[in-house]
Protein backbone atom coordinates (compact mmCIF):
# COMPACT_ATOMS: atom_id res chain seq x y z
CA MET A 1 -3.93 -13.40 -32.21
CA THR A 2 -0.46 -15.04 -33.08
CA GLU A 3 0.86 -18.26 -31.60
CA ALA A 4 3.26 -16.28 -29.28
CA GLY A 5 0.26 -13.87 -28.25
CA THR A 6 -1.79 -16.98 -27.37
CA LEU A 7 1.08 -18.49 -25.42
CA ARG A 8 1.85 -15.06 -23.69
CA ARG A 9 -1.88 -14.82 -22.40
CA SER A 10 -1.86 -18.54 -21.24
CA ALA A 11 1.26 -17.77 -19.38
CA LEU A 12 -0.12 -14.46 -18.02
CA ARG A 13 -3.48 -16.11 -16.82
CA LYS A 14 -1.40 -18.77 -14.93
CA VAL A 15 0.83 -16.06 -13.30
CA ALA A 16 -2.10 -13.97 -12.12
CA ARG A 17 -3.80 -17.00 -10.72
CA ARG A 18 -0.82 -18.21 -8.87
CA PHE A 19 0.65 -14.96 -7.56
CA ILE A 20 -2.11 -12.21 -7.16
CA PRO A 21 -4.46 -14.16 -4.79
CA PHE A 22 -1.43 -15.09 -2.74
CA LEU A 23 0.26 -11.86 -2.67
CA GLY A 24 -3.03 -10.06 -1.93
CA LEU A 25 -3.57 -12.35 1.13
CA VAL A 26 0.02 -11.54 2.17
CA TYR A 27 -0.36 -7.93 1.89
CA PHE A 28 -3.79 -7.93 3.49
CA VAL A 29 -1.86 -9.52 6.64
CA ASN A 30 0.84 -6.96 6.13
CA TYR A 31 -1.40 -3.94 6.08
CA LEU A 32 -3.46 -5.11 8.94
CA ASP A 33 -0.53 -5.62 11.19
CA ARG A 34 0.64 -2.21 10.26
CA THR A 35 -2.52 -0.37 11.00
CA ASN A 36 -4.32 -2.31 13.54
CA ILE A 37 -2.82 -0.17 16.25
CA GLY A 38 -5.65 2.35 15.26
CA PHE A 39 -8.33 0.02 16.55
CA ALA A 40 -6.06 -1.07 19.58
CA LYS A 41 -5.89 2.81 20.28
CA LEU A 42 -9.42 2.88 21.35
CA THR A 43 -8.85 0.95 24.69
CA MET A 44 -4.81 0.75 24.69
CA SER A 45 -4.55 4.52 25.09
CA ALA A 46 -6.16 4.29 28.49
CA ASP A 47 -4.26 1.41 29.49
CA LEU A 48 -0.67 2.77 28.67
CA GLY A 49 -1.58 6.28 29.44
CA LEU A 50 -1.24 7.64 25.85
CA THR A 51 -2.04 11.22 24.68
CA GLU A 52 -3.07 11.71 21.24
CA THR A 53 0.49 13.00 20.27
CA MET A 54 2.09 9.95 21.95
CA PHE A 55 -0.32 7.71 19.88
CA GLY A 56 0.64 9.54 16.73
CA LEU A 57 4.25 9.11 17.65
CA ALA A 58 3.81 5.24 18.27
CA SER A 59 2.02 4.81 15.02
CA GLY A 60 4.63 6.75 13.13
CA LEU A 61 7.84 5.36 14.67
CA PHE A 62 7.06 2.22 12.71
CA PHE A 63 8.37 4.12 9.59
CA ILE A 64 11.67 5.20 11.13
CA GLY A 65 13.13 1.75 10.94
CA TYR A 66 11.10 1.14 7.88
CA LEU A 67 12.54 4.04 5.89
CA LEU A 68 16.21 3.63 6.97
CA PHE A 69 16.24 -0.12 5.81
CA GLU A 70 13.88 0.05 2.81
CA VAL A 71 16.71 0.49 0.08
CA PRO A 72 19.14 -2.13 1.51
CA SER A 73 16.44 -4.59 1.85
CA ASN A 74 15.22 -4.41 -1.70
CA LEU A 75 18.91 -4.63 -2.94
CA ALA A 76 19.05 -7.74 -0.95
CA LEU A 77 15.78 -9.08 -2.53
CA HIS A 78 17.39 -8.42 -5.92
CA ARG A 79 20.47 -10.21 -4.83
CA PHE A 80 19.03 -13.11 -3.14
CA GLY A 81 15.80 -13.68 -4.73
CA ALA A 82 12.11 -12.58 -3.66
CA ARG A 83 11.18 -16.09 -2.39
CA ARG A 84 13.89 -16.15 0.16
CA TRP A 85 13.78 -12.44 1.17
CA ILE A 86 10.01 -11.79 1.20
CA ALA A 87 9.73 -15.23 3.36
CA ARG A 88 12.22 -13.78 5.88
CA ILE A 89 10.54 -10.38 6.25
CA MET A 90 7.17 -11.94 6.91
CA VAL A 91 8.61 -14.32 9.72
CA THR A 92 10.34 -11.46 11.25
CA TRP A 93 7.64 -8.90 11.00
CA GLY A 94 5.01 -11.50 12.45
CA LEU A 95 6.93 -12.22 15.44
CA CYS A 96 7.50 -8.29 16.05
CA ALA A 97 3.76 -7.77 15.60
CA MET A 98 2.88 -10.53 18.26
CA LEU A 99 5.41 -8.76 20.53
CA LEU A 100 3.13 -5.76 20.60
CA ALA A 101 1.01 -7.85 22.96
CA PHE A 102 3.19 -7.64 25.75
CA VAL A 103 4.30 -3.99 25.90
CA GLN A 104 3.79 -2.33 29.28
CA SER A 105 4.62 1.16 28.67
CA SER A 106 4.82 4.09 26.08
CA GLY A 107 8.49 3.42 25.75
CA GLN A 108 8.33 -0.19 25.10
CA LEU A 109 5.45 0.38 22.61
CA TYR A 110 7.68 2.92 20.77
CA ALA A 111 10.58 0.44 20.62
CA VAL A 112 8.50 -2.37 19.29
CA ARG A 113 7.05 -0.25 16.62
CA VAL A 114 10.54 0.76 15.47
CA LEU A 115 11.62 -3.01 15.41
CA LEU A 116 8.38 -3.80 13.39
CA GLY A 117 9.31 -1.33 10.80
CA ILE A 118 12.87 -2.71 10.50
CA ALA A 119 11.52 -6.11 10.18
CA GLU A 120 8.99 -5.27 7.52
CA ALA A 121 11.33 -2.82 5.49
CA GLY A 122 11.52 -3.81 1.84
CA PHE A 123 8.29 -5.78 1.76
CA PHE A 124 5.98 -3.60 -0.38
CA PRO A 125 8.76 -2.41 -2.86
CA GLY A 126 10.03 -5.90 -3.00
CA ILE A 127 6.62 -7.12 -4.24
CA MET A 128 6.40 -4.28 -6.62
CA LEU A 129 9.75 -5.04 -8.05
CA PHE A 130 8.82 -8.96 -8.18
CA LEU A 131 5.73 -8.14 -10.09
CA THR A 132 7.74 -6.21 -12.74
CA TRP A 133 9.75 -9.38 -13.29
CA TRP A 134 6.48 -11.13 -14.32
CA LEU A 135 3.86 -8.66 -15.62
CA PRO A 136 4.04 -6.83 -19.04
CA ARG A 137 3.30 -3.31 -18.92
CA ALA A 138 -0.16 -3.26 -20.68
CA GLU A 139 -1.65 -5.62 -17.98
CA ARG A 140 0.34 -4.14 -15.15
CA VAL A 141 -1.93 -1.62 -13.69
CA ARG A 142 -5.06 -4.09 -13.70
CA LEU A 143 -3.37 -6.83 -12.06
CA ILE A 144 -1.73 -4.38 -9.46
CA GLY A 145 -5.04 -2.99 -8.74
CA VAL A 146 -6.34 -6.33 -7.74
CA PHE A 147 -3.22 -7.18 -5.72
CA LEU A 148 -3.44 -3.76 -3.95
CA VAL A 149 -7.13 -4.29 -3.23
CA ALA A 150 -5.75 -6.03 0.01
CA ILE A 151 -5.26 -2.49 1.62
CA PRO A 152 -8.97 -1.46 1.53
CA LEU A 153 -10.01 -5.08 2.35
CA SER A 154 -7.59 -5.25 5.27
CA SER A 155 -9.44 -2.30 6.82
CA ALA A 156 -12.88 -3.29 5.56
CA VAL A 157 -12.52 -6.76 7.06
CA GLY A 158 -9.94 -5.80 9.75
CA ALA A 159 -12.03 -3.03 11.37
CA PRO A 160 -14.90 -5.32 12.48
CA LEU A 161 -12.56 -8.32 13.01
CA SER A 162 -10.09 -6.17 15.26
CA THR A 163 -12.79 -4.45 17.32
CA ALA A 164 -14.76 -7.98 17.61
CA ILE A 165 -11.31 -9.53 19.09
CA ILE A 166 -10.97 -6.53 21.37
CA THR A 167 -14.36 -6.63 22.78
CA TYR A 168 -15.33 -10.31 22.78
CA LEU A 169 -11.78 -11.84 23.71
CA ASP A 170 -11.09 -9.24 26.36
CA GLY A 171 -9.68 -11.22 29.30
CA PHE A 172 -8.64 -14.44 27.37
CA PRO A 173 -6.13 -15.65 28.21
CA GLY A 174 -5.69 -13.10 30.94
CA LEU A 175 -4.93 -10.42 28.58
CA GLU A 176 -6.61 -6.99 27.70
CA GLY A 177 -8.51 -7.34 24.28
CA TRP A 178 -6.14 -5.25 22.53
CA ARG A 179 -3.27 -7.55 23.43
CA VAL A 180 -5.15 -10.38 22.24
CA MET A 181 -5.50 -8.64 18.93
CA PHE A 182 -1.93 -8.02 18.25
CA LEU A 183 -1.11 -11.65 19.26
CA LEU A 184 -3.75 -13.31 16.98
CA GLU A 185 -3.16 -11.08 14.00
CA GLY A 186 0.54 -11.56 14.18
CA VAL A 187 0.48 -15.36 13.58
CA PRO A 188 -0.71 -15.46 10.01
CA ALA A 189 2.44 -13.40 8.96
CA VAL A 190 4.83 -16.13 10.36
CA VAL A 191 2.71 -18.98 8.78
CA LEU A 192 2.52 -17.42 5.37
CA GLY A 193 6.23 -16.61 5.51
CA VAL A 194 7.02 -20.24 5.92
CA ILE A 195 4.62 -20.97 3.01
CA CYS A 196 6.12 -18.17 0.83
CA TRP A 197 9.47 -19.96 0.82
CA PHE A 198 8.22 -23.03 -1.01
CA TYR A 199 5.39 -21.13 -3.20
CA LEU A 200 7.14 -18.07 -4.87
CA THR A 201 9.32 -18.49 -8.12
CA ASP A 202 11.86 -15.89 -8.47
CA ARG A 203 11.75 -15.51 -12.40
CA PRO A 204 9.60 -16.69 -15.39
CA GLU A 205 12.43 -18.69 -16.56
CA ASP A 206 12.53 -20.78 -13.35
CA ALA A 207 8.87 -21.53 -13.47
CA ALA A 208 8.34 -25.14 -13.91
CA TRP A 209 4.52 -24.68 -13.76
CA LEU A 210 4.51 -22.96 -17.03
CA THR A 211 5.09 -24.81 -20.36
CA PRO A 212 8.19 -24.26 -22.20
CA GLY A 213 6.48 -22.36 -24.92
CA GLU A 214 4.57 -20.17 -22.27
CA ARG A 215 7.89 -19.43 -20.65
CA ARG A 216 9.60 -18.42 -24.06
CA ALA A 217 6.64 -16.24 -24.86
CA LEU A 218 6.53 -14.32 -21.32
CA THR A 219 10.26 -13.92 -21.05
CA SER A 220 10.47 -12.51 -24.84
CA VAL A 221 7.99 -9.86 -24.24
CA LEU A 222 9.49 -8.86 -20.69
CA GLU A 223 13.05 -8.83 -22.20
CA ALA A 224 12.00 -6.93 -25.05
CA GLU A 225 10.35 -4.26 -22.75
CA ARG A 226 13.47 -4.08 -20.56
CA ALA A 227 15.79 -3.70 -23.58
CA GLU A 228 13.61 -0.86 -25.16
CA LEU A 229 13.45 1.03 -21.99
CA ALA A 230 17.06 0.73 -20.87
CA PRO A 231 18.39 3.73 -22.67
CA ALA A 232 15.98 6.01 -20.89
CA ALA A 233 15.90 4.20 -17.58
CA GLU A 234 18.18 4.13 -14.71
CA GLY A 235 19.98 0.96 -14.12
CA SER A 236 22.60 1.89 -11.65
CA PRO A 237 21.44 2.07 -7.80
CA LEU A 238 23.30 5.05 -7.17
CA ARG A 239 22.08 6.86 -10.43
CA ALA A 240 18.51 5.72 -9.45
CA LEU A 241 18.97 7.20 -5.98
CA LEU A 242 20.02 10.61 -7.16
CA SER A 243 17.53 10.78 -10.08
CA GLY A 244 15.20 13.89 -10.09
CA LYS A 245 12.46 11.61 -11.75
CA VAL A 246 12.69 9.31 -8.87
CA LEU A 247 12.40 12.02 -6.34
CA ALA A 248 9.49 13.63 -8.17
CA LEU A 249 7.56 10.35 -8.28
CA GLY A 250 8.20 9.91 -4.54
CA GLY A 251 7.01 13.40 -3.72
CA ILE A 252 3.71 12.47 -5.71
CA TYR A 253 3.52 9.13 -3.82
CA PHE A 254 3.96 11.01 -0.59
CA GLY A 255 0.83 12.83 -1.10
CA VAL A 256 -1.45 9.80 -1.89
CA VAL A 257 -0.11 7.82 1.05
CA TYR A 258 -0.40 10.66 3.45
CA GLY A 259 -4.13 10.32 2.87
CA LEU A 260 -4.05 6.81 3.16
CA TYR A 261 -2.27 6.66 6.60
CA ALA A 262 -4.33 9.52 8.12
CA LEU A 263 -7.61 7.59 7.16
CA SER A 264 -6.38 4.40 8.50
CA PHE A 265 -4.94 5.67 11.81
CA PHE A 266 -7.57 8.19 12.61
CA GLY A 267 -10.69 6.90 10.96
CA PRO A 268 -11.82 4.96 14.05
CA THR A 269 -11.05 8.27 16.08
CA MET A 270 -13.27 10.09 13.67
CA VAL A 271 -16.18 7.90 14.00
CA ALA A 272 -15.89 7.57 17.66
CA GLY A 273 -16.09 11.56 17.83
CA PHE A 274 -19.50 11.47 16.21
CA SER A 275 -20.69 10.83 19.81
CA GLU A 276 -19.72 14.48 20.79
CA ARG A 277 -20.46 15.98 17.59
CA PHE A 278 -23.74 14.39 16.54
CA ASP A 279 -24.91 13.08 19.85
CA THR A 280 -24.71 9.48 18.78
CA GLU A 281 -23.39 6.26 20.53
CA PHE A 282 -21.64 3.32 18.97
CA THR A 283 -19.96 0.17 20.54
CA LEU A 284 -16.58 -0.76 19.45
CA VAL A 285 -18.04 -3.29 17.00
CA GLN A 286 -20.33 -0.79 15.40
CA THR A 287 -17.39 1.67 15.13
CA GLY A 288 -15.45 -1.04 13.34
CA ALA A 289 -18.37 -1.80 10.94
CA ILE A 290 -18.88 2.04 10.15
CA VAL A 291 -15.15 2.38 9.63
CA ALA A 292 -15.24 -0.27 6.93
CA VAL A 293 -17.44 1.34 4.66
CA PRO A 294 -15.29 3.77 2.94
CA PHE A 295 -12.72 0.80 2.51
CA VAL A 296 -15.27 -1.49 0.84
CA ALA A 297 -16.18 1.18 -1.64
CA GLY A 298 -12.38 1.84 -2.11
CA ALA A 299 -11.74 -1.79 -2.94
CA ILE A 300 -14.66 -1.89 -5.59
CA ALA A 301 -13.47 1.37 -7.13
CA MET A 302 -9.89 0.52 -7.22
CA VAL A 303 -10.52 -2.61 -9.30
CA LEU A 304 -12.82 -0.94 -11.64
CA TRP A 305 -10.62 2.20 -12.03
CA SER A 306 -7.30 0.27 -12.84
CA ARG A 307 -9.16 -1.85 -15.50
CA HIS A 308 -10.35 1.27 -16.96
CA SER A 309 -6.84 2.70 -16.98
CA ASP A 310 -5.45 -0.53 -18.67
CA ARG A 311 -8.38 -0.57 -21.22
CA THR A 312 -7.86 3.09 -22.20
CA GLY A 313 -4.04 3.08 -21.93
CA GLU A 314 -4.54 6.52 -20.17
CA ARG A 315 -2.47 6.83 -17.00
CA ARG A 316 -1.78 10.56 -16.04
CA TRP A 317 -5.35 11.65 -15.38
CA HIS A 318 -6.15 8.20 -13.91
CA LEU A 319 -3.73 9.09 -11.17
CA ALA A 320 -4.20 12.81 -10.93
CA ALA A 321 -8.10 13.12 -10.76
CA PRO A 322 -8.86 10.84 -7.93
CA ALA A 323 -5.90 12.30 -6.02
CA VAL A 324 -7.38 15.78 -6.28
CA ALA A 325 -11.06 14.67 -5.73
CA GLY A 326 -9.88 12.75 -2.49
CA GLY A 327 -7.95 15.86 -1.22
CA LEU A 328 -10.86 18.23 -1.95
CA THR A 329 -13.57 16.20 -0.15
CA ILE A 330 -11.82 15.33 3.13
CA PRO A 331 -11.79 18.85 4.60
CA VAL A 332 -15.46 19.39 3.45
CA ALA A 333 -16.32 16.63 5.89
CA LEU A 334 -15.61 18.98 8.60
CA TYR A 335 -18.34 21.38 7.83
CA VAL A 336 -21.43 19.10 7.32
CA ASP A 337 -24.13 18.49 9.81
CA SER A 338 -24.95 14.81 9.55
CA PRO A 339 -22.81 11.77 10.25
CA TYR A 340 -24.23 10.12 6.93
CA ALA A 341 -22.82 13.14 5.16
CA VAL A 342 -19.56 12.79 6.86
CA MET A 343 -19.29 9.16 5.88
CA PHE A 344 -20.16 9.79 2.27
CA LEU A 345 -17.27 12.49 1.92
CA VAL A 346 -14.90 10.15 3.65
CA THR A 347 -15.93 7.37 1.43
CA VAL A 348 -15.24 9.59 -1.72
CA THR A 349 -11.91 10.51 -0.04
CA ALA A 350 -11.04 6.75 0.10
CA ILE A 351 -12.09 5.96 -3.16
CA GLY A 352 -9.80 8.76 -4.50
CA ILE A 353 -6.85 7.37 -2.53
CA PHE A 354 -7.40 3.65 -3.71
CA CYS A 355 -8.02 4.73 -7.27
CA ALA A 356 -4.68 6.53 -7.49
CA LEU A 357 -2.57 4.00 -5.93
CA PRO A 358 -2.46 1.21 -8.59
CA VAL A 359 -2.13 3.65 -11.47
CA PHE A 360 0.79 5.20 -9.61
CA TRP A 361 3.00 2.23 -9.98
CA HIS A 362 2.69 2.34 -13.68
CA PHE A 363 5.17 5.04 -13.83
CA PRO A 364 8.25 3.87 -11.69
CA PRO A 365 9.09 1.05 -13.90
CA MET A 366 9.12 3.24 -16.81
CA VAL A 367 12.19 5.20 -15.63
CA LEU A 368 13.98 2.52 -13.61
CA THR A 369 15.48 -1.05 -14.75
CA SER A 370 17.63 -3.81 -13.28
CA ALA A 371 19.34 -3.03 -9.92
CA GLY A 372 18.44 0.60 -10.43
CA ALA A 373 14.81 -0.49 -10.12
CA ALA A 374 15.52 -2.37 -6.89
CA ALA A 375 16.98 0.96 -5.53
CA GLY A 376 14.60 3.43 -7.21
CA ILE A 377 11.56 1.57 -6.26
CA ALA A 378 12.41 1.27 -2.80
CA LEU A 379 13.40 5.00 -2.42
CA ILE A 380 10.04 5.97 -3.98
CA ASN A 381 8.36 3.82 -1.53
CA THR A 382 10.51 5.28 1.18
CA LEU A 383 9.62 8.80 0.42
CA GLY A 384 6.03 8.05 -0.02
CA ASN A 385 5.97 6.19 3.48
CA ALA A 386 7.70 9.03 5.22
CA SER A 387 4.12 10.30 5.42
CA GLY A 388 3.43 7.10 7.31
CA PHE A 389 5.30 8.94 10.19
CA LEU A 390 4.14 12.33 9.50
CA ALA A 391 0.48 11.76 8.95
CA PRO A 392 -0.50 10.19 12.29
CA TYR A 393 1.99 12.39 14.28
CA VAL A 394 0.94 15.73 12.49
CA THR A 395 -2.63 14.78 12.95
CA GLY A 396 -2.37 13.76 16.42
CA TRP A 397 -0.26 16.79 17.40
CA ALA A 398 -2.87 19.10 15.74
CA ARG A 399 -5.90 17.17 17.76
CA ASP A 400 -3.93 17.69 21.07
CA ALA A 401 -3.22 21.36 20.16
CA THR A 402 -6.82 22.42 18.84
CA GLY A 403 -9.05 19.90 20.43
CA ASP A 404 -10.38 18.53 17.13
CA LEU A 405 -9.21 16.90 13.92
CA ASP A 406 -10.04 19.96 11.63
CA THR A 407 -6.54 21.15 11.29
CA GLY A 408 -4.88 17.79 10.63
CA LEU A 409 -7.63 16.88 7.98
CA TRP A 410 -7.05 20.34 6.19
CA ILE A 411 -3.32 19.23 5.94
CA VAL A 412 -4.35 15.84 4.39
CA GLY A 413 -6.47 17.47 1.92
CA ILE A 414 -3.75 19.98 0.95
CA VAL A 415 -1.07 17.54 0.53
CA MET A 416 -3.32 15.17 -1.48
CA VAL A 417 -4.38 17.99 -3.91
CA ALA A 418 -0.67 18.74 -4.22
CA SER A 419 0.20 15.35 -5.14
CA GLY A 420 -2.56 15.41 -7.71
CA ALA A 421 -1.07 18.50 -9.32
CA GLY A 422 2.08 16.86 -9.52
CA ALA A 423 0.73 13.97 -11.27
CA ALA A 424 -0.99 16.14 -13.94
CA VAL A 425 2.25 17.31 -15.34
CA LEU A 426 3.52 13.55 -15.82
CA ARG A 427 4.35 12.83 -19.57
CA GLU A 428 3.43 9.30 -20.81
CA GLY A 429 3.83 7.52 -24.08
CA PRO A 430 1.38 6.50 -26.44
CA ARG A 431 -1.76 4.49 -25.19
CA ALA A 432 -1.93 0.66 -25.63
CA LYS A 433 -5.44 -0.21 -25.73
CA GLY A 434 -6.97 -3.66 -25.20
CA GLY A 435 -4.22 -5.03 -23.23
CA ASP A 436 -2.41 -6.81 -25.95
CA GLU A 437 0.99 -5.41 -26.19
CA ALA A 438 2.09 -8.05 -28.33
CA SER A 439 0.03 -6.41 -31.24
CA LEU A 440 1.79 -3.04 -30.80
CA THR A 441 4.86 -2.02 -32.88
CA PRO A 442 8.25 -2.24 -31.24
CA SER A 443 8.54 1.62 -30.87
CA ALA A 444 5.00 1.87 -29.35
CA ARG A 445 5.75 -0.83 -26.82
CA GLY A 446 9.06 0.71 -25.81
CA GLU A 447 8.01 4.47 -25.47
CA ALA A 448 9.24 5.29 -21.85
CA VAL A 449 7.29 7.56 -19.66
CA GLY A 450 9.13 10.71 -18.46
CA LEU A 451 8.43 13.57 -16.22
């Protein structure tokens, strides 16, 4: 390996060790605060008089504010820097998450969920944009996969944690258990937001914790990639927002995220339904432990799958195959006669969702650059997270209308399969094996991915 390649790998190791665990922890807290309403529902619905439709609306209203402010927030991050803007997002969302502990009616719950979405807008696409400033393409999927493992871990750890708080801290200090859960789980976001202000570094050229040689080696690779992609990529925010490629990627992402939110918000409800379907009884803590199983499997599979994608350089089928597999298995879970078989199929669905997520994020930076990347990545995330409103609302409405989850889960399956079919027609450039992009020719490194 050349000296430049050695310095680049040394720099990348430092970048990965500094940012990936911290950002993973931050996203763990973020996703838990976004979805812990699914565990609160098990006792909150009775306290606030919520129907399934009302709960679905409360879950989904988070995404109204989130979607409206996503693009402006990401453009602000591009202008003011990730360190300042992500810190601001975290502190405000943590305060809003804690405010959920004090709602007294469905209307107040709706209002605070909207405020939580506004506060959090731009967080995830901001981190995705931030990582494109630091990670070369050949290593990006693997490291994003490690970062995104925070999603299944937040449910795997958050499920038993949240249900334990609801159960064992009920009445302390004079609050229902679900209120204590919201209060305690909002605090880490505020603390981490303050830390973020001092810990993150906006760009490689600003990193005093890299040697001068490491900074030069890493920035040269990243600048070469941006220059080679520039002719085929959208650099203008307006052009990025109107790009058919960006809209198509948003549609594919919609299907994967639809499955993710349906599973996150209604997983506890599905397990609680085993009591009627299979004549079983579980405590809240046992329900949380069972819900955690698919997410643990998804976390392991996500890391292994993203590494395999980077090692082979193949992206399209690493995205399409798990999305289709996840979509096909979730409706089948409705027709098996054992809780073990149901959980096996739900676990396969979770594995499909979590394997698809990191591979998807290989594609947007291939068609976006500069301020266009800030706008385009935010729009893709906005379109995908529109499913965060639709999935819980449609699933809750379908359950109220039919008395079961069957229709809602069929919709999940259909949307995920359609997403996988869309991913199957993506076109990608030559494969970069071994993760050493410095060894590739400039033309091979610069080949963009189209639709």
